[in-house]
N, C-alpha and C. Protein backbone atom coordinates (compact mmCIF):
# COMPACT_ATOMS: atom_id res chain seq x y z
N MET A 1 -128.93 137.62 150.62
CA MET A 1 -130.40 137.37 150.16
C MET A 1 -129.57 135.54 149.52
N VAL A 2 -130.42 134.80 150.29
CA VAL A 2 -129.93 133.56 149.38
C VAL A 2 -130.77 133.35 148.10
N ASN A 3 -130.23 132.96 147.28
CA ASN A 3 -130.01 132.62 145.73
C ASN A 3 -131.78 131.75 145.63
N PRO A 4 -132.81 131.98 144.75
CA PRO A 4 -133.80 131.55 144.72
C PRO A 4 -134.13 130.18 144.88
N ASN A 5 -133.15 128.97 144.15
CA ASN A 5 -133.11 127.49 143.95
C ASN A 5 -132.63 127.09 145.31
N ILE A 6 -131.60 127.96 145.80
CA ILE A 6 -131.19 127.23 147.19
C ILE A 6 -131.94 127.60 148.65
N GLU A 7 -132.70 128.96 147.93
CA GLU A 7 -133.59 129.03 149.43
C GLU A 7 -135.10 127.59 149.24
N ARG A 8 -135.00 127.77 147.85
CA ARG A 8 -136.07 126.23 147.33
C ARG A 8 -135.80 125.44 147.89
N MET A 9 -134.64 124.65 147.96
CA MET A 9 -133.92 123.64 148.44
C MET A 9 -133.85 123.47 149.86
N ILE A 10 -133.25 124.71 150.69
CA ILE A 10 -133.47 124.48 151.96
C ILE A 10 -134.67 124.51 152.52
N THR A 11 -136.09 125.10 152.02
CA THR A 11 -137.65 124.67 152.28
C THR A 11 -137.40 123.24 152.10
N GLU A 12 -137.70 122.45 151.48
CA GLU A 12 -138.03 121.36 150.72
C GLU A 12 -137.23 120.54 151.78
N LEU A 13 -135.60 120.77 152.04
CA LEU A 13 -135.24 119.92 152.83
C LEU A 13 -135.96 119.83 154.39
N LYS A 14 -135.84 120.91 154.86
CA LYS A 14 -136.62 121.42 156.23
C LYS A 14 -138.06 120.94 156.18
N ARG A 15 -139.05 120.35 155.19
CA ARG A 15 -140.08 119.93 154.81
C ARG A 15 -140.22 118.38 154.93
N GLU A 16 -139.09 117.54 154.36
CA GLU A 16 -138.73 116.34 154.02
C GLU A 16 -138.19 115.77 155.23
N PHE A 17 -137.34 116.02 156.14
CA PHE A 17 -136.79 116.08 157.71
C PHE A 17 -137.66 116.10 158.89
N SER A 18 -137.20 115.60 159.74
CA SER A 18 -137.58 115.95 160.89
C SER A 18 -136.59 116.59 161.31
N GLU A 19 -136.99 117.82 162.73
CA GLU A 19 -135.97 118.79 162.62
C GLU A 19 -134.49 118.14 163.49
N ASN A 20 -134.76 116.94 164.03
CA ASN A 20 -133.59 116.57 164.63
C ASN A 20 -132.55 115.98 163.14
N ALA A 21 -132.85 115.50 162.13
CA ALA A 21 -132.66 115.25 160.99
C ALA A 21 -132.10 115.90 160.61
N TYR A 22 -132.66 117.45 159.98
CA TYR A 22 -132.51 118.28 159.41
C TYR A 22 -130.92 119.07 159.87
N GLN A 23 -130.93 118.83 161.37
CA GLN A 23 -130.06 119.81 162.12
C GLN A 23 -128.73 118.81 161.47
N GLU A 24 -128.64 117.59 161.60
CA GLU A 24 -127.53 116.71 161.03
C GLU A 24 -126.99 116.97 160.09
N ILE A 25 -128.25 117.76 159.03
CA ILE A 25 -127.40 117.75 157.61
C ILE A 25 -126.50 119.22 157.46
N ASP A 26 -125.38 118.98 156.87
CA ASP A 26 -124.88 120.34 156.11
C ASP A 26 -124.40 120.20 154.86
N LEU A 27 -124.32 121.43 154.21
CA LEU A 27 -124.40 121.64 152.68
C LEU A 27 -123.53 122.89 152.78
N ILE A 28 -122.29 122.52 151.91
CA ILE A 28 -121.09 123.61 151.75
C ILE A 28 -121.02 123.63 150.20
N ILE A 29 -121.22 124.87 149.66
CA ILE A 29 -121.01 124.97 148.20
C ILE A 29 -119.75 125.68 148.28
N TYR A 30 -119.73 124.94 146.46
CA TYR A 30 -117.71 125.90 146.27
C TYR A 30 -118.23 126.29 144.80
N ASP A 31 -117.89 127.62 144.31
CA ASP A 31 -117.88 128.45 143.36
C ASP A 31 -116.74 127.65 142.60
N CYS A 32 -116.67 128.09 141.15
CA CYS A 32 -115.73 127.80 140.34
C CYS A 32 -114.52 128.68 140.66
N HIS A 33 -114.09 129.46 141.48
CA HIS A 33 -113.04 130.06 141.92
C HIS A 33 -112.59 129.39 142.99
N LYS A 34 -113.17 128.70 144.05
CA LYS A 34 -112.85 127.79 144.75
C LYS A 34 -113.38 128.71 146.28
N ASN A 35 -114.28 129.62 146.31
CA ASN A 35 -114.78 130.19 147.39
C ASN A 35 -115.86 129.52 147.99
N ASN A 36 -115.92 129.13 149.54
CA ASN A 36 -116.86 128.39 149.86
C ASN A 36 -118.16 129.16 150.28
N TYR A 37 -119.21 128.56 150.30
CA TYR A 37 -120.08 128.94 151.12
C TYR A 37 -121.43 128.18 151.60
N PHE A 38 -121.82 128.75 152.53
CA PHE A 38 -122.84 128.14 153.36
C PHE A 38 -124.26 128.56 152.62
N LEU A 39 -125.52 127.92 153.35
CA LEU A 39 -126.75 128.02 152.94
C LEU A 39 -127.28 129.07 153.18
N ASP A 40 -126.47 129.98 153.80
CA ASP A 40 -127.01 130.93 154.58
C ASP A 40 -126.20 132.48 153.58
N ASP A 41 -125.48 132.20 152.95
CA ASP A 41 -124.74 132.84 152.28
C ASP A 41 -124.86 133.04 150.85
N GLU A 42 -124.78 134.37 150.44
CA GLU A 42 -125.03 134.78 149.03
C GLU A 42 -123.72 134.59 148.00
N PHE A 43 -124.19 133.39 147.22
CA PHE A 43 -123.35 133.45 145.93
C PHE A 43 -124.05 133.12 144.65
N GLN A 44 -123.17 133.42 143.49
CA GLN A 44 -123.31 133.14 142.12
C GLN A 44 -123.73 131.76 141.56
N GLU A 45 -124.87 131.75 142.00
CA GLU A 45 -125.38 129.79 141.26
C GLU A 45 -124.53 129.73 140.24
N LYS A 46 -124.86 130.59 138.99
CA LYS A 46 -124.18 130.19 138.17
C LYS A 46 -122.54 129.36 137.80
N MET A 47 -122.06 129.77 139.18
CA MET A 47 -120.61 129.54 139.02
C MET A 47 -120.45 128.58 139.88
N PHE A 48 -121.21 127.51 140.40
CA PHE A 48 -121.29 126.12 140.76
C PHE A 48 -120.52 125.40 140.28
N ARG A 49 -119.45 124.51 141.19
CA ARG A 49 -118.70 123.93 141.45
C ARG A 49 -119.00 122.43 141.87
N ASN A 50 -118.59 122.66 143.14
CA ASN A 50 -118.84 121.35 144.15
C ASN A 50 -120.37 121.83 145.52
N LEU A 51 -120.54 120.92 145.71
CA LEU A 51 -121.44 120.49 146.95
C LEU A 51 -121.20 119.37 147.84
N PHE A 52 -120.99 119.95 148.87
CA PHE A 52 -120.44 118.69 149.92
C PHE A 52 -121.94 118.66 150.96
N ILE A 53 -122.05 117.36 150.85
CA ILE A 53 -123.39 117.17 151.65
C ILE A 53 -122.86 115.87 153.21
N ASN A 54 -122.86 116.73 154.32
CA ASN A 54 -122.56 116.23 155.38
C ASN A 54 -123.63 115.63 155.92
N TYR A 55 -123.62 114.22 156.82
CA TYR A 55 -124.81 114.10 157.42
C TYR A 55 -124.06 113.02 158.10
N LYS A 56 -124.44 113.45 160.14
CA LYS A 56 -123.41 112.43 160.49
C LYS A 56 -122.30 111.94 160.12
N THR A 57 -121.85 111.17 160.05
CA THR A 57 -120.52 110.86 159.96
C THR A 57 -120.04 110.40 158.31
N SER A 58 -121.24 110.54 157.58
CA SER A 58 -121.41 110.41 156.12
C SER A 58 -121.07 111.87 155.26
N MET A 59 -120.27 111.95 154.27
CA MET A 59 -119.95 113.11 153.52
C MET A 59 -119.94 112.54 151.93
N ILE A 60 -120.79 113.29 150.80
CA ILE A 60 -120.88 112.95 149.66
C ILE A 60 -120.41 114.43 148.79
N GLU A 61 -120.05 114.34 148.13
CA GLU A 61 -119.41 115.37 147.19
C GLU A 61 -120.18 115.06 145.70
N ILE A 62 -121.03 116.34 145.19
CA ILE A 62 -121.22 116.54 143.89
C ILE A 62 -120.60 117.89 143.30
N SER A 63 -119.77 117.25 142.19
CA SER A 63 -119.23 118.26 141.63
C SER A 63 -119.75 118.45 139.93
N SER A 64 -119.18 119.55 139.47
CA SER A 64 -119.80 119.51 138.17
C SER A 64 -118.13 120.40 137.27
N ASP A 65 -118.31 119.88 136.21
CA ASP A 65 -117.12 119.81 135.50
C ASP A 65 -117.59 121.04 134.39
N LYS A 66 -116.47 121.40 133.51
CA LYS A 66 -116.78 122.56 132.71
C LYS A 66 -118.00 122.14 131.58
N TYR A 67 -118.14 120.85 131.57
CA TYR A 67 -119.19 120.62 130.43
C TYR A 67 -120.55 120.44 131.14
N ASN A 68 -120.85 120.55 132.50
CA ASN A 68 -121.80 120.81 133.34
C ASN A 68 -122.12 119.03 133.32
N VAL A 69 -121.10 118.47 133.78
CA VAL A 69 -121.60 116.72 134.13
C VAL A 69 -121.07 116.94 135.43
N PHE A 70 -122.25 116.13 135.82
CA PHE A 70 -122.09 115.87 137.49
C PHE A 70 -121.72 114.79 137.71
N ASP A 71 -120.96 114.73 138.91
CA ASP A 71 -119.90 113.25 139.66
C ASP A 71 -120.64 113.32 140.81
N ILE A 72 -121.27 112.40 141.37
CA ILE A 72 -121.46 112.18 143.11
C ILE A 72 -120.44 111.04 143.42
N HIS A 73 -119.57 111.46 144.60
CA HIS A 73 -118.47 110.70 145.13
C HIS A 73 -118.45 110.49 146.37
N THR A 74 -117.63 109.63 146.82
CA THR A 74 -117.72 109.71 148.60
C THR A 74 -116.49 109.29 148.96
N SER A 75 -115.54 109.45 149.62
CA SER A 75 -114.33 108.67 150.16
C SER A 75 -114.65 108.09 151.24
N ILE A 76 -115.31 107.80 151.68
CA ILE A 76 -115.73 107.10 152.99
C ILE A 76 -117.36 106.05 152.95
N LEU A 77 -116.60 105.14 153.33
CA LEU A 77 -118.38 104.00 153.16
C LEU A 77 -119.85 104.74 154.29
N ILE A 78 -120.97 104.67 153.84
CA ILE A 78 -121.93 105.14 154.49
C ILE A 78 -122.20 104.22 155.38
N GLU A 79 -122.90 104.82 156.38
CA GLU A 79 -123.59 103.63 157.27
C GLU A 79 -124.70 103.48 157.17
N GLN A 80 -125.45 102.31 156.78
CA GLN A 80 -126.21 101.87 156.28
C GLN A 80 -127.69 102.68 156.91
N GLU A 81 -127.57 103.00 158.09
CA GLU A 81 -128.74 103.76 158.72
C GLU A 81 -128.98 105.24 157.93
N GLU A 82 -127.44 105.60 157.70
CA GLU A 82 -127.30 106.93 156.97
C GLU A 82 -127.86 106.97 155.71
N LEU A 83 -127.50 105.56 154.81
CA LEU A 83 -127.96 105.96 153.72
C LEU A 83 -129.22 106.39 153.29
N ALA A 84 -130.08 106.07 153.91
CA ALA A 84 -131.60 106.30 153.03
C ALA A 84 -131.90 107.89 153.33
N VAL A 85 -131.56 108.73 154.40
CA VAL A 85 -131.66 110.25 154.36
C VAL A 85 -130.20 110.22 153.56
N ILE A 86 -129.29 110.08 153.33
CA ILE A 86 -128.00 110.84 152.27
C ILE A 86 -128.82 110.66 150.51
N GLY A 87 -129.68 109.48 150.66
CA GLY A 87 -130.15 109.40 149.33
C GLY A 87 -130.98 110.39 148.81
N LYS A 88 -131.93 110.94 149.65
CA LYS A 88 -132.56 111.76 149.67
C LYS A 88 -132.37 113.12 149.79
N VAL A 89 -131.60 112.88 150.63
CA VAL A 89 -130.93 114.52 150.53
C VAL A 89 -130.17 114.82 148.52
N ILE A 90 -129.46 113.64 148.75
CA ILE A 90 -129.08 114.09 147.19
C ILE A 90 -130.32 114.20 145.89
N SER A 91 -131.34 113.33 146.11
CA SER A 91 -132.24 113.98 145.64
C SER A 91 -133.28 115.23 145.08
N ILE A 92 -133.45 115.83 146.36
CA ILE A 92 -133.93 117.05 146.62
C ILE A 92 -132.86 117.98 146.24
N VAL A 93 -131.25 117.92 146.48
CA VAL A 93 -130.15 118.87 146.09
C VAL A 93 -130.12 119.07 144.31
N VAL A 94 -130.38 117.59 143.73
CA VAL A 94 -129.94 117.36 142.16
C VAL A 94 -131.06 117.96 141.58
N LYS A 95 -132.23 117.78 141.90
CA LYS A 95 -133.79 118.62 141.83
C LYS A 95 -133.56 119.91 141.60
N HIS A 96 -132.93 120.81 142.40
CA HIS A 96 -132.85 122.04 142.24
C HIS A 96 -131.90 122.08 141.75
N LEU A 97 -130.53 121.67 141.42
CA LEU A 97 -129.28 122.05 141.23
C LEU A 97 -129.58 121.91 139.03
N SER A 98 -130.33 121.02 138.71
CA SER A 98 -130.75 120.90 137.84
C SER A 98 -131.52 122.00 137.17
N LYS A 99 -132.12 123.00 137.85
CA LYS A 99 -132.82 124.33 137.57
C LYS A 99 -131.91 125.80 137.02
N ILE A 100 -130.64 125.47 137.69
CA ILE A 100 -129.50 126.17 137.56
C ILE A 100 -128.96 126.16 135.78
N GLU A 101 -128.77 127.49 135.16
CA GLU A 101 -127.89 127.63 134.55
C GLU A 101 -126.84 128.23 134.28
N PHE A 102 -125.90 126.91 134.43
CA PHE A 102 -124.84 127.12 134.66
C PHE A 102 -123.91 128.01 133.48
N GLU A 103 -122.87 128.43 134.28
CA GLU A 103 -122.10 129.61 133.20
C GLU A 103 -120.88 128.55 132.62
N GLU A 104 -120.73 129.12 131.25
CA GLU A 104 -119.74 128.07 130.86
C GLU A 104 -118.34 129.01 130.62
N GLU A 105 -117.20 128.00 131.34
CA GLU A 105 -115.74 128.65 131.29
C GLU A 105 -115.15 128.78 130.33
């Protein structure tokens, strides 16, 4: 069973994007033990560490450190036509990440 915050995030992403655009969005979550999870996997959200957002040729990483400070990073240039979609995905994802009470290491 998917975590409630992730389930709400998926629902909002599906609602906000066309089916074609949603099919191009790939999210991969990592916990603090470097285990990876896809959206339909169950993971303990309090152990969140990284989320990779892939859209077409663009990739963004959102990571959390032990103080629950977030970093948004990309190592590639984002295509102009993909920037609006990536920005909207980040906004939705961050809204749902902000509802998680993370574990302290």
